[in-house]
Amino acid sequence: ELAEKKENRQFKYIYDYAKAHGLVPVRIARRGCMSQNVCNQMFERCLSLMYKGKARAVVVANMASISSSMCDAYKKIGLINENGFKIFSVDEGELKLNLIGFKEEQNIEEKR
């Protein structure tokens, strides 16, 4: 019961953020008491929706809610950014890695 109340508050928190920033929810996933493995599978399904053109961004309460470690958070942000999508955290705002060296390498390869 307590977990459901927390999830409801978190849902409202995310929904209000999305509404305030002009984002339209396509699908809502509630993490609840899922294991990290199930959470990772859910993240993969979100990426799949984005690859299919059904979504362009992910909104989370915070990265700690979907990541097992800082390394895992950076990997997830990188996967989203690398494919031209966006990820927003209500607590942290839009998440970007801003690693310009990789873009420069891609541009050099494209010119060859």
N, C-alpha and C. Protein backbone atom coordinates (compact mmCIF):
# COMPACT_ATOMS: atom_id res chain seq x y z
N GLU A 1 0.82 -1.20 0.00
CA GLU A 1 0.00 0.00 0.00
C GLU A 1 0.87 1.26 0.00
N LEU A 2 1.94 1.25 0.80
CA LEU A 2 2.84 2.41 0.84
C LEU A 2 3.55 2.59 -0.50
N ALA A 3 3.95 1.48 -1.11
CA ALA A 3 4.63 1.55 -2.41
C ALA A 3 3.69 2.15 -3.46
N GLU A 4 2.42 1.78 -3.43
CA GLU A 4 1.46 2.31 -4.39
C GLU A 4 1.24 3.82 -4.19
N LYS A 5 1.19 4.25 -2.94
CA LYS A 5 1.05 5.69 -2.66
C LYS A 5 2.26 6.46 -3.19
N LYS A 6 3.46 5.90 -2.97
CA LYS A 6 4.67 6.53 -3.46
C LYS A 6 4.65 6.60 -4.98
N GLU A 7 4.25 5.51 -5.62
CA GLU A 7 4.16 5.46 -7.09
C GLU A 7 3.17 6.51 -7.60
N ASN A 8 2.04 6.67 -6.93
CA ASN A 8 1.04 7.66 -7.35
C ASN A 8 1.59 9.08 -7.26
N ARG A 9 2.33 9.37 -6.18
CA ARG A 9 2.95 10.69 -6.03
C ARG A 9 4.00 10.91 -7.12
N GLN A 10 4.78 9.87 -7.38
CA GLN A 10 5.83 9.96 -8.40
C GLN A 10 5.21 10.15 -9.79
N PHE A 11 4.11 9.45 -10.06
CA PHE A 11 3.42 9.59 -11.34
C PHE A 11 2.95 11.03 -11.52
N LYS A 12 2.33 11.62 -10.49
CA LYS A 12 1.85 13.00 -10.57
C LYS A 12 3.02 13.95 -10.78
N TYR A 13 4.11 13.70 -10.12
CA TYR A 13 5.34 14.50 -10.22
C TYR A 13 5.84 14.50 -11.67
N ILE A 14 5.91 13.33 -12.28
CA ILE A 14 6.37 13.20 -13.67
C ILE A 14 5.35 13.79 -14.63
N TYR A 15 4.08 13.49 -14.41
CA TYR A 15 3.02 13.99 -15.30
C TYR A 15 2.98 15.52 -15.31
N ASP A 16 3.10 16.14 -14.14
CA ASP A 16 3.10 17.60 -14.06
C ASP A 16 4.31 18.19 -14.80
N TYR A 17 5.47 17.55 -14.67
CA TYR A 17 6.67 18.00 -15.39
C TYR A 17 6.45 17.92 -16.89
N ALA A 18 5.93 16.79 -17.35
CA ALA A 18 5.69 16.59 -18.79
C ALA A 18 4.72 17.65 -19.32
N LYS A 19 3.65 17.88 -18.60
CA LYS A 19 2.64 18.86 -19.01
C LYS A 19 3.24 20.27 -19.07
N ALA A 20 4.03 20.63 -18.08
CA ALA A 20 4.64 21.96 -18.02
C ALA A 20 5.65 22.18 -19.14
N HIS A 21 6.24 21.10 -19.67
CA HIS A 21 7.26 21.22 -20.71
C HIS A 21 6.76 20.81 -22.09
N GLY A 22 5.46 20.68 -22.24
CA GLY A 22 4.88 20.38 -23.54
C GLY A 22 5.15 18.97 -24.03
N LEU A 23 5.39 18.04 -23.13
CA LEU A 23 5.63 16.64 -23.49
C LEU A 23 4.33 15.86 -23.34
N VAL A 24 4.05 15.01 -24.31
CA VAL A 24 2.82 14.23 -24.29
C VAL A 24 3.18 12.78 -23.99
N PRO A 25 2.73 12.24 -22.86
CA PRO A 25 3.05 10.85 -22.54
C PRO A 25 2.45 9.88 -23.56
N VAL A 26 3.27 8.94 -24.01
CA VAL A 26 2.83 7.90 -24.94
C VAL A 26 2.52 6.64 -24.15
N ARG A 27 3.40 6.31 -23.26
CA ARG A 27 3.23 5.13 -22.43
C ARG A 27 3.81 5.43 -21.05
N ILE A 28 3.17 4.93 -20.04
CA ILE A 28 3.62 5.16 -18.67
C ILE A 28 3.96 3.81 -18.06
N ALA A 29 5.16 3.72 -17.52
CA ALA A 29 5.60 2.49 -16.87
C ALA A 29 5.89 2.80 -15.41
N ARG A 30 5.34 1.99 -14.56
CA ARG A 30 5.55 2.19 -13.13
C ARG A 30 6.51 1.13 -12.65
N ARG A 31 7.59 1.57 -12.05
CA ARG A 31 8.64 0.64 -11.65
C ARG A 31 8.22 -0.19 -10.44
N GLY A 32 7.57 0.42 -9.49
CA GLY A 32 7.10 -0.31 -8.32
C GLY A 32 8.21 -1.07 -7.62
N CYS A 33 7.96 -2.32 -7.38
CA CYS A 33 8.92 -3.16 -6.67
C CYS A 33 9.64 -4.11 -7.63
N MET A 34 9.87 -3.65 -8.86
CA MET A 34 10.54 -4.48 -9.85
C MET A 34 12.02 -4.63 -9.53
N SER A 35 12.58 -5.72 -10.00
CA SER A 35 14.02 -5.90 -9.87
C SER A 35 14.72 -5.03 -10.90
N GLN A 36 16.03 -4.86 -10.76
CA GLN A 36 16.78 -4.05 -11.71
C GLN A 36 16.73 -4.67 -13.11
N ASN A 37 16.72 -5.99 -13.19
CA ASN A 37 16.66 -6.67 -14.48
C ASN A 37 15.36 -6.32 -15.21
N VAL A 38 14.24 -6.33 -14.51
CA VAL A 38 12.96 -5.98 -15.11
C VAL A 38 12.97 -4.51 -15.54
N CYS A 39 13.56 -3.65 -14.72
CA CYS A 39 13.67 -2.24 -15.05
C CYS A 39 14.50 -2.04 -16.32
N ASN A 40 15.59 -2.80 -16.46
CA ASN A 40 16.42 -2.71 -17.66
C ASN A 40 15.65 -3.17 -18.90
N GLN A 41 14.85 -4.21 -18.76
CA GLN A 41 14.03 -4.68 -19.87
C GLN A 41 13.01 -3.62 -20.27
N MET A 42 12.44 -2.94 -19.29
CA MET A 42 11.48 -1.87 -19.55
C MET A 42 12.19 -0.73 -20.31
N PHE A 43 13.41 -0.41 -19.91
CA PHE A 43 14.17 0.63 -20.59
C PHE A 43 14.43 0.24 -22.05
N GLU A 44 14.76 -1.03 -22.28
CA GLU A 44 14.97 -1.52 -23.64
C GLU A 44 13.69 -1.41 -24.47
N ARG A 45 12.54 -1.68 -23.86
CA ARG A 45 11.27 -1.52 -24.57
C ARG A 45 11.02 -0.05 -24.93
N CYS A 46 11.40 0.86 -24.04
CA CYS A 46 11.28 2.29 -24.34
C CYS A 46 12.15 2.66 -25.53
N LEU A 47 13.38 2.16 -25.57
CA LEU A 47 14.26 2.41 -26.71
C LEU A 47 13.64 1.86 -27.99
N SER A 48 13.05 0.69 -27.90
CA SER A 48 12.41 0.07 -29.06
C SER A 48 11.29 0.95 -29.59
N LEU A 49 10.48 1.51 -28.70
CA LEU A 49 9.41 2.42 -29.11
C LEU A 49 9.98 3.65 -29.83
N MET A 50 11.10 4.14 -29.34
CA MET A 50 11.71 5.30 -29.96
C MET A 50 12.27 4.94 -31.34
N TYR A 51 12.89 3.78 -31.47
CA TYR A 51 13.41 3.34 -32.78
C TYR A 51 12.27 3.22 -33.79
N LYS A 52 11.09 2.82 -33.33
CA LYS A 52 9.93 2.65 -34.21
C LYS A 52 9.24 3.98 -34.50
N GLY A 53 9.69 5.06 -33.88
CA GLY A 53 9.10 6.37 -34.13
C GLY A 53 7.86 6.67 -33.31
N LYS A 54 7.59 5.86 -32.31
CA LYS A 54 6.39 6.06 -31.49
C LYS A 54 6.63 6.99 -30.31
N ALA A 55 7.89 7.29 -30.03
CA ALA A 55 8.24 8.20 -28.93
C ALA A 55 9.56 8.86 -29.28
N ARG A 56 9.82 10.02 -28.66
CA ARG A 56 11.08 10.72 -28.92
C ARG A 56 11.86 11.03 -27.65
N ALA A 57 11.27 10.71 -26.50
CA ALA A 57 11.95 11.04 -25.24
C ALA A 57 11.48 10.11 -24.13
N VAL A 58 12.29 10.07 -23.09
CA VAL A 58 11.96 9.34 -21.86
C VAL A 58 11.94 10.37 -20.75
N VAL A 59 10.95 10.29 -19.87
CA VAL A 59 10.88 11.17 -18.70
C VAL A 59 10.87 10.27 -17.47
N VAL A 60 11.79 10.55 -16.54
CA VAL A 60 11.88 9.80 -15.29
C VAL A 60 11.89 10.78 -14.13
N ALA A 61 11.57 10.28 -12.95
CA ALA A 61 11.63 11.15 -11.76
C ALA A 61 13.08 11.54 -11.51
N ASN A 62 13.97 10.57 -11.55
CA ASN A 62 15.41 10.81 -11.43
C ASN A 62 16.14 9.57 -11.96
N MET A 63 17.38 9.72 -12.32
CA MET A 63 18.12 8.60 -12.91
C MET A 63 18.33 7.46 -11.91
N ALA A 64 18.40 7.79 -10.66
CA ALA A 64 18.59 6.74 -9.65
C ALA A 64 17.42 5.77 -9.62
N SER A 65 16.25 6.22 -10.07
CA SER A 65 15.07 5.34 -10.04
C SER A 65 15.12 4.27 -11.12
N ILE A 66 15.93 4.46 -12.17
CA ILE A 66 16.00 3.45 -13.24
C ILE A 66 17.40 2.88 -13.42
N SER A 67 18.37 3.35 -12.64
CA SER A 67 19.75 2.90 -12.80
C SER A 67 20.27 2.23 -11.55
N SER A 68 21.14 1.26 -11.75
CA SER A 68 21.71 0.55 -10.61
C SER A 68 22.99 1.21 -10.10
N SER A 69 23.61 2.05 -10.94
CA SER A 69 24.86 2.71 -10.56
C SER A 69 25.06 3.93 -11.45
N MET A 70 26.08 4.71 -11.17
CA MET A 70 26.37 5.87 -12.00
C MET A 70 26.77 5.41 -13.41
N CYS A 71 27.53 4.34 -13.49
CA CYS A 71 27.95 3.81 -14.79
C CYS A 71 26.72 3.40 -15.62
N ASP A 72 25.77 2.76 -14.99
CA ASP A 72 24.54 2.34 -15.66
C ASP A 72 23.75 3.57 -16.13
N ALA A 73 23.70 4.61 -15.32
CA ALA A 73 22.99 5.84 -15.69
C ALA A 73 23.64 6.47 -16.92
N TYR A 74 24.97 6.56 -16.93
CA TYR A 74 25.66 7.14 -18.08
C TYR A 74 25.44 6.30 -19.34
N LYS A 75 25.42 4.99 -19.19
CA LYS A 75 25.18 4.11 -20.34
C LYS A 75 23.79 4.38 -20.93
N LYS A 76 22.80 4.47 -20.07
CA LYS A 76 21.43 4.71 -20.54
C LYS A 76 21.28 6.07 -21.19
N ILE A 77 21.86 7.09 -20.58
CA ILE A 77 21.82 8.44 -21.16
C ILE A 77 22.53 8.42 -22.52
N GLY A 78 23.66 7.75 -22.59
CA GLY A 78 24.42 7.66 -23.83
C GLY A 78 23.64 6.96 -24.93
N LEU A 79 22.96 5.88 -24.61
CA LEU A 79 22.16 5.16 -25.61
C LEU A 79 21.07 6.06 -26.18
N ILE A 80 20.44 6.82 -25.32
CA ILE A 80 19.37 7.72 -25.76
C ILE A 80 19.96 8.84 -26.62
N ASN A 81 20.99 9.51 -26.11
CA ASN A 81 21.59 10.64 -26.83
C ASN A 81 22.20 10.22 -28.16
N GLU A 82 22.88 9.10 -28.18
CA GLU A 82 23.56 8.63 -29.38
C GLU A 82 22.60 8.41 -30.55
N ASN A 83 21.38 8.07 -30.23
CA ASN A 83 20.38 7.80 -31.27
C ASN A 83 19.49 9.00 -31.57
N GLY A 84 19.85 10.16 -31.03
CA GLY A 84 19.12 11.38 -31.35
C GLY A 84 17.86 11.61 -30.55
N PHE A 85 17.67 10.84 -29.49
CA PHE A 85 16.49 11.01 -28.65
C PHE A 85 16.86 11.83 -27.43
N LYS A 86 15.87 12.10 -26.58
CA LYS A 86 16.12 12.90 -25.38
C LYS A 86 15.67 12.14 -24.15
N ILE A 87 16.31 12.47 -23.04
CA ILE A 87 15.90 11.91 -21.75
C ILE A 87 15.82 13.06 -20.76
N PHE A 88 14.71 13.13 -20.05
CA PHE A 88 14.47 14.18 -19.08
C PHE A 88 14.29 13.56 -17.70
N SER A 89 14.85 14.22 -16.72
CA SER A 89 14.66 13.85 -15.32
C SER A 89 13.97 15.01 -14.64
N VAL A 90 12.91 14.75 -13.93
CA VAL A 90 12.20 15.83 -13.23
C VAL A 90 13.15 16.52 -12.26
N ASP A 91 14.00 15.74 -11.60
CA ASP A 91 14.93 16.32 -10.61
C ASP A 91 16.12 17.02 -11.25
N GLU A 92 16.62 16.48 -12.40
CA GLU A 92 17.86 16.99 -12.98
C GLU A 92 17.70 17.72 -14.31
N GLY A 93 16.51 17.75 -14.90
CA GLY A 93 16.31 18.41 -16.19
C GLY A 93 16.69 17.49 -17.34
N GLU A 94 16.98 18.08 -18.51
CA GLU A 94 17.37 17.26 -19.66
C GLU A 94 18.78 16.73 -19.43
N LEU A 95 18.95 15.45 -19.68
CA LEU A 95 20.24 14.81 -19.42
C LEU A 95 21.00 14.64 -20.73
N LYS A 96 22.21 15.19 -20.76
CA LYS A 96 23.08 15.10 -21.93
C LYS A 96 24.48 14.77 -21.45
N LEU A 97 25.26 14.15 -22.31
CA LEU A 97 26.65 13.86 -21.97
C LEU A 97 27.59 14.95 -22.49
N ASN A 98 27.20 15.62 -23.58
CA ASN A 98 28.00 16.71 -24.14
C ASN A 98 29.45 16.33 -24.41
N LEU A 99 29.66 15.17 -24.98
CA LEU A 99 31.00 14.72 -25.34
C LEU A 99 31.23 15.07 -26.80
N ILE A 100 31.84 16.22 -27.04
CA ILE A 100 31.95 16.73 -28.40
C ILE A 100 32.95 15.94 -29.25
N GLY A 101 33.91 15.31 -28.65
CA GLY A 101 34.93 14.58 -29.41
C GLY A 101 34.34 13.51 -30.30
N PHE A 102 33.27 12.87 -29.86
CA PHE A 102 32.67 11.81 -30.65
C PHE A 102 31.97 12.37 -31.88
N LYS A 103 31.34 13.51 -31.75
CA LYS A 103 30.70 14.14 -32.91
C LYS A 103 31.75 14.54 -33.93
N GLU A 104 32.88 15.09 -33.45
CA GLU A 104 33.94 15.50 -34.37
C GLU A 104 34.47 14.29 -35.14
N GLU A 105 34.66 13.17 -34.46
CA GLU A 105 35.14 11.95 -35.13
C GLU A 105 34.14 11.50 -36.19
N GLN A 106 32.86 11.56 -35.90
CA GLN A 106 31.85 11.18 -36.87
C GLN A 106 31.89 12.10 -38.08
N ASN A 107 32.04 13.40 -37.85
CA ASN A 107 32.10 14.35 -38.95
C ASN A 107 33.33 14.11 -39.82
N ILE A 108 34.46 13.78 -39.21
CA ILE A 108 35.68 13.48 -39.96
C ILE A 108 35.47 12.24 -40.82
N GLU A 109 34.86 11.20 -40.24
CA GLU A 109 34.60 9.96 -40.99
C GLU A 109 33.66 10.22 -42.15
N GLU A 110 32.65 11.08 -41.96
CA GLU A 110 31.69 11.38 -43.02
C GLU A 110 32.36 12.13 -44.17
N LYS A 111 33.36 12.97 -43.88
CA LYS A 111 34.05 13.74 -44.92
C LYS A 111 34.96 12.86 -45.76
N ARG A 112 35.44 11.72 -45.22
CA ARG A 112 36.37 10.85 -45.95
C ARG A 112 35.70 10.14 -47.04
